[in-house]
Amino acid sequence: MNRNLILFSGFMTMAVGAGLGFVLATLFQTPFRTGLYRDQKPGFVIVGGVGGFLFGCSMEVIRELKVRQDQEDDSSQQ
């Protein structure tokens, strides 16, 4: 498997996920004003980034395994 392509895909989707987390934290601000709820943007950005990284890496691994499986199926049918 191409490790560089997997990491690239993970980092690209991490950027998208972090951006979505930032936008969601900005749009849906909590009505609570205590110290725990005051600044939740870093939490949403981190969760979005980690989720995006895991999603991107897993989708790229699945895509590469599918290509490998299709190649093995084609070679076994001949």
Protein backbone atom coordinates (compact mmCIF):
# COMPACT_ATOMS: atom_id res chain seq x y z
CA MET A 1 0.00 0.00 0.00
CA ASN A 2 1.08 3.53 -0.69
CA ARG A 3 1.68 5.05 2.74
CA ASN A 4 2.29 8.55 1.36
CA LEU A 5 -1.04 8.57 -0.47
CA ILE A 6 -2.85 7.36 2.65
CA LEU A 7 -1.31 10.12 4.77
CA PHE A 8 -2.00 12.74 2.12
CA SER A 9 -5.63 11.71 1.97
CA GLY A 10 -5.81 11.78 5.76
CA PHE A 11 -4.32 15.26 6.02
CA MET A 12 -6.58 16.68 3.32
CA THR A 13 -9.72 15.38 4.98
CA MET A 14 -8.33 16.50 8.34
CA ALA A 15 -8.19 20.06 7.01
CA VAL A 16 -11.77 19.79 5.77
CA GLY A 17 -12.92 18.29 9.08
CA ALA A 18 -11.18 20.98 11.12
CA GLY A 19 -12.75 23.65 8.93
CA LEU A 20 -16.18 22.14 9.39
CA GLY A 21 -15.61 21.94 13.14
CA PHE A 22 -14.68 25.61 13.24
CA VAL A 23 -17.71 26.62 11.18
CA LEU A 24 -20.06 24.54 13.33
CA ALA A 25 -18.59 25.97 16.53
CA THR A 26 -19.07 29.49 15.18
CA LEU A 27 -22.60 28.97 13.87
CA PHE A 28 -24.02 27.03 16.81
CA GLN A 29 -22.76 28.85 19.86
CA THR A 30 -23.98 27.55 23.18
CA PRO A 31 -26.32 29.73 25.24
CA PHE A 32 -24.44 28.83 28.42
CA ARG A 33 -21.83 31.24 29.77
CA THR A 34 -20.00 29.21 32.40
CA GLY A 35 -16.29 28.53 32.10
CA LEU A 36 -16.85 25.02 30.80
CA TYR A 37 -18.95 26.13 27.84
CA ARG A 38 -17.45 29.55 27.11
CA ASP A 39 -14.90 28.61 24.44
CA GLN A 40 -15.66 25.35 22.65
CA LYS A 41 -14.06 26.17 19.29
CA PRO A 42 -10.78 24.32 19.94
CA GLY A 43 -12.69 21.20 20.93
CA PHE A 44 -14.81 21.19 17.79
CA VAL A 45 -11.77 21.85 15.59
CA ILE A 46 -9.80 19.01 17.19
CA VAL A 47 -12.69 16.56 16.97
CA GLY A 48 -13.34 17.55 13.35
CA GLY A 49 -9.67 17.22 12.45
CA VAL A 50 -9.19 13.83 14.08
CA GLY A 51 -12.43 12.54 12.61
CA GLY A 52 -11.48 13.80 9.17
CA PHE A 53 -8.02 12.25 9.39
CA LEU A 54 -9.40 8.85 10.40
CA PHE A 55 -12.11 9.00 7.74
CA GLY A 56 -9.68 9.99 4.97
CA CYS A 57 -7.10 7.35 5.87
CA SER A 58 -9.68 4.60 6.13
CA MET A 59 -11.33 5.52 2.83
CA GLU A 60 -7.97 5.52 1.03
CA VAL A 61 -7.01 2.15 2.52
CA ILE A 62 -10.37 0.70 1.45
CA ARG A 63 -9.90 2.10 -2.05
CA GLU A 64 -6.41 0.60 -2.35
CA LEU A 65 -7.56 -2.77 -1.02
CA LYS A 66 -10.43 -2.76 -3.51
CA VAL A 67 -8.03 -2.12 -6.39
CA ARG A 68 -5.76 -4.91 -5.15
CA GLN A 69 -8.69 -7.31 -4.79
CA ASP A 70 -9.94 -6.48 -8.29
CA GLN A 71 -6.46 -7.13 -9.72
CA GLU A 72 -6.27 -10.49 -7.94
CA ASP A 73 -9.74 -11.44 -9.17
CA ASP A 74 -8.82 -10.53 -12.75
CA SER A 75 -5.59 -12.54 -12.62
CA SER A 76 -7.31 -15.59 -11.12
CA GLN A 77 -10.02 -15.61 -13.82
CA GLN A 78 -7.52 -15.76 -16.67
